[in-house]
Amino acid sequence: MDSPQLAARLRFLTDAAHLLRLSVPVASAHLMRQRAEKMRQAGLHQHELQHHHVCRACGHIMLLGLGSELTLESRKHAAAARRKPTRKPTRKPTRKPRRHPKPRANPAPPPRGPTKALTCGLCLDTSHTRLSPPTLPPSRRRANTAKTPPATTRRTRASMRKAGLQALLAGQAQKSKAASLSLADFRQK
């Protein structure tokens, strides 16, 4: 099937599925599955947004608030849910000699961001997507400077403040002299 026919067929399947979404959700899901199958046969890949818009399992168009749910789980919350609390039997503590900690052979894993979980309203399948970790704004990042400037004294700050105020007053005085008009400016010769 050539490209214009394939594009027209995919557009038709998408439009028909969206029109039937509220009235006949099962038929809408079937049309979206057919669309995904046609794209797979043609060797086309679905866009990332399409994966969030359509259920990967059944083809249902997911509209948040109409049966489908979106939950964001922080990394700490997701890790706590995976861990099972275990209780160890209590023993009498024994004294062991302290050892220096060994350096880790493996570096720390890169930071992971939150997880987005989309739950389909038709088949109740949940798809998880990892989001990128939040980055610090540039103002909060530390600059890699070797030296920090020495602290200024109270006298130095006072003299700098005085010089700044004098410069400000001098600039205002120049503006007022240049912008003022006198009667002589309006007289014609």
Protein backbone atom coordinates (compact mmCIF):
# COMPACT_ATOMS: atom_id res chain seq x y z
CA MET A 1 0.00 0.00 0.00
CA ASP A 2 1.55 3.31 -1.00
CA SER A 3 2.02 6.17 1.40
CA PRO A 4 -0.98 8.40 0.50
CA GLN A 5 -3.40 5.48 0.80
CA LEU A 6 -1.84 4.34 4.08
CA ALA A 7 -1.96 7.86 5.52
CA ALA A 8 -5.62 8.23 4.49
CA ARG A 9 -6.54 4.85 5.99
CA LEU A 10 -4.73 5.59 9.27
CA ARG A 11 -6.41 9.00 9.48
CA PHE A 12 -9.83 7.40 8.83
CA LEU A 13 -9.28 4.76 11.53
CA THR A 14 -8.15 7.41 14.02
CA ASP A 15 -11.09 9.73 13.30
CA ALA A 16 -13.63 6.90 13.42
CA ALA A 17 -12.22 5.59 16.70
CA HIS A 18 -12.42 9.04 18.27
CA LEU A 19 -16.01 9.51 17.10
CA LEU A 20 -17.05 6.16 18.56
CA ARG A 21 -15.07 6.59 21.80
CA LEU A 22 -17.97 7.69 24.03
CA SER A 23 -20.84 5.79 22.41
CA VAL A 24 -19.17 2.42 21.64
CA PRO A 25 -15.81 2.18 23.45
CA VAL A 26 -15.23 -1.47 22.46
CA ALA A 27 -15.57 -0.66 18.74
CA SER A 28 -13.31 2.35 19.22
CA ALA A 29 -10.67 0.14 20.86
CA HIS A 30 -10.95 -2.37 17.98
CA LEU A 31 -10.38 0.40 15.41
CA MET A 32 -7.33 1.66 17.29
CA ARG A 33 -5.92 -1.89 17.45
CA GLN A 34 -6.44 -2.16 13.68
CA ARG A 35 -4.64 1.16 13.24
CA ALA A 36 -1.70 -0.05 15.36
CA GLU A 37 -1.57 -3.29 13.34
CA LYS A 38 -1.53 -1.36 10.02
CA MET A 39 1.29 0.82 11.31
CA ARG A 40 3.25 -2.24 12.44
CA GLN A 41 2.81 -3.93 9.05
CA ALA A 42 4.01 -0.79 7.27
CA GLY A 43 7.06 -0.57 9.55
CA LEU A 44 5.97 2.69 11.17
CA HIS A 45 6.52 3.37 14.84
CA GLN A 46 3.97 5.08 17.02
CA HIS A 47 4.89 8.43 18.47
CA GLU A 48 5.60 8.63 22.22
CA LEU A 49 2.46 10.71 22.81
CA GLN A 50 0.38 8.02 21.08
CA HIS A 51 1.52 5.49 23.71
CA HIS A 52 0.16 7.78 26.42
CA HIS A 53 -3.07 8.41 24.53
CA VAL A 54 -4.00 4.83 23.62
CA CYS A 55 -3.84 1.70 25.80
CA ARG A 56 -1.07 -0.61 24.63
CA ALA A 57 -3.01 -3.74 25.59
CA CYS A 58 -6.53 -3.20 24.24
CA GLY A 59 -6.37 -0.06 22.04
CA HIS A 60 -8.80 1.94 24.21
CA ILE A 61 -8.48 5.73 23.88
CA MET A 62 -7.67 6.88 27.38
CA LEU A 63 -9.30 10.10 28.50
CA LEU A 64 -8.34 11.03 32.02
CA GLY A 65 -11.38 11.36 34.25
CA LEU A 66 -13.55 9.14 32.05
CA GLY A 67 -12.48 5.79 33.47
CA SER A 68 -8.75 6.15 32.88
CA GLU A 69 -6.45 7.27 35.67
CA LEU A 70 -3.05 8.88 35.83
CA THR A 71 -0.89 8.58 38.94
CA LEU A 72 2.55 10.03 39.53
CA GLU A 73 4.74 8.17 41.98
CA SER A 74 7.89 9.68 43.33
CA ARG A 75 11.01 7.57 43.31
CA LYS A 76 10.96 7.17 47.09
CA HIS A 77 7.30 6.07 47.06
CA ALA A 78 7.89 3.52 44.31
CA ALA A 79 10.92 2.07 46.08
CA ALA A 80 9.02 1.79 49.37
CA ALA A 81 6.16 -0.03 47.66
CA ARG A 82 8.56 -2.60 46.16
CA ARG A 83 10.35 -3.28 49.44
CA LYS A 84 8.68 -5.67 51.81
CA PRO A 85 9.12 -5.00 55.48
CA THR A 86 11.07 -7.80 57.11
CA ARG A 87 11.52 -8.39 60.78
CA LYS A 88 14.65 -9.92 62.07
CA PRO A 89 14.61 -11.76 65.36
CA THR A 90 16.08 -9.68 68.14
CA ARG A 91 19.42 -10.83 69.43
CA LYS A 92 21.73 -9.66 72.09
CA PRO A 93 24.12 -7.17 70.47
CA THR A 94 27.70 -8.35 70.32
CA ARG A 95 30.70 -6.10 70.18
CA LYS A 96 32.61 -6.36 66.92
CA PRO A 97 35.80 -4.50 66.07
CA ARG A 98 35.24 -1.44 63.88
CA ARG A 99 36.51 -1.61 60.36
CA HIS A 100 37.07 1.17 57.93
CA PRO A 101 34.51 1.11 55.15
CA LYS A 102 35.78 -0.18 51.84
CA PRO A 103 35.42 2.07 48.82
CA ARG A 104 32.62 1.01 46.53
CA ALA A 105 33.66 -0.72 43.35
CA ASN A 106 30.48 0.28 41.52
CA PRO A 107 29.59 3.97 41.29
CA ALA A 108 26.21 5.11 42.56
CA PRO A 109 23.39 4.58 40.05
CA PRO A 110 22.25 7.67 38.15
CA PRO A 111 19.30 9.49 39.71
CA ARG A 112 15.91 8.35 38.50
CA GLY A 113 12.87 10.54 38.19
CA PRO A 114 9.27 9.91 39.10
CA THR A 115 7.15 7.20 37.49
CA LYS A 116 3.95 7.94 35.60
CA ALA A 117 1.36 5.15 35.77
CA LEU A 118 -1.57 5.18 33.31
CA THR A 119 -4.46 2.83 34.06
CA CYS A 120 -6.81 1.93 31.21
CA GLY A 121 -10.51 2.31 31.99
CA LEU A 122 -11.52 -0.63 29.77
CA CYS A 123 -9.05 -3.45 30.50
CA LEU A 124 -7.56 -2.00 33.73
CA ASP A 125 -4.04 -2.55 32.38
CA THR A 126 -1.42 -0.23 33.88
CA SER A 127 1.51 1.07 31.87
CA HIS A 128 4.43 2.66 33.68
CA THR A 129 6.65 5.35 32.19
CA ARG A 130 9.77 6.70 33.86
CA LEU A 131 10.16 10.43 33.63
CA SER A 132 13.49 12.22 33.63
CA PRO A 133 14.71 13.40 37.02
CA PRO A 134 14.15 17.05 37.85
CA THR A 135 17.16 19.27 37.38
CA LEU A 136 18.19 22.10 39.63
CA PRO A 137 17.70 25.59 38.24
CA PRO A 138 20.94 27.24 37.11
CA SER A 139 20.87 29.70 40.02
CA ARG A 140 21.06 26.88 42.56
CA ARG A 141 23.94 25.04 40.95
CA ARG A 142 27.25 25.56 42.61
CA ALA A 143 29.96 27.14 40.56
CA ASN A 144 33.23 25.25 40.46
CA THR A 145 35.48 27.97 41.77
CA ALA A 146 38.65 27.20 43.63
CA LYS A 147 38.81 30.46 45.58
CA THR A 148 36.14 32.49 47.23
CA PRO A 149 36.62 36.25 47.40
CA PRO A 150 37.72 37.56 50.79
CA ALA A 151 35.06 39.15 52.96
CA THR A 152 34.85 42.93 52.69
CA THR A 153 35.13 45.07 55.75
CA ARG A 154 32.51 47.45 57.06
CA ARG A 155 34.51 50.52 55.97
CA THR A 156 34.95 49.19 52.45
CA ARG A 157 31.23 48.55 52.10
CA ALA A 158 30.41 52.03 53.42
CA SER A 159 32.81 53.73 51.00
CA MET A 160 31.43 51.69 48.08
CA ARG A 161 27.88 52.65 49.07
CA LYS A 162 28.87 56.32 49.32
CA ALA A 163 30.57 56.26 45.90
CA GLY A 164 27.51 54.63 44.35
CA LEU A 165 25.15 57.24 45.79
CA GLN A 166 27.40 60.07 44.60
CA ALA A 167 27.49 58.63 41.08
CA LEU A 168 23.70 58.34 41.10
CA LEU A 169 23.28 61.95 42.21
CA ALA A 170 25.78 63.16 39.60
CA GLY A 171 23.89 61.31 36.86
CA GLN A 172 20.58 62.84 37.96
CA ALA A 173 22.12 66.31 38.03
CA GLN A 174 23.38 65.93 34.45
CA LYS A 175 19.96 64.77 33.28
CA SER A 176 18.20 67.69 34.93
CA LYS A 177 20.63 70.22 33.38
CA ALA A 178 20.37 68.74 29.88
CA ALA A 179 16.60 68.35 29.92
CA SER A 180 15.68 71.75 31.41
CA LEU A 181 14.38 74.48 29.14
CA SER A 182 14.54 78.19 29.71
CA LEU A 183 12.73 81.19 28.23
CA ALA A 184 15.70 81.85 25.98
CA ASP A 185 15.15 78.53 24.24
CA PHE A 186 11.72 79.68 23.00
CA ARG A 187 12.69 83.17 21.88
CA GLN A 188 13.24 83.69 18.19
CA LYS A 189 15.89 86.02 16.90
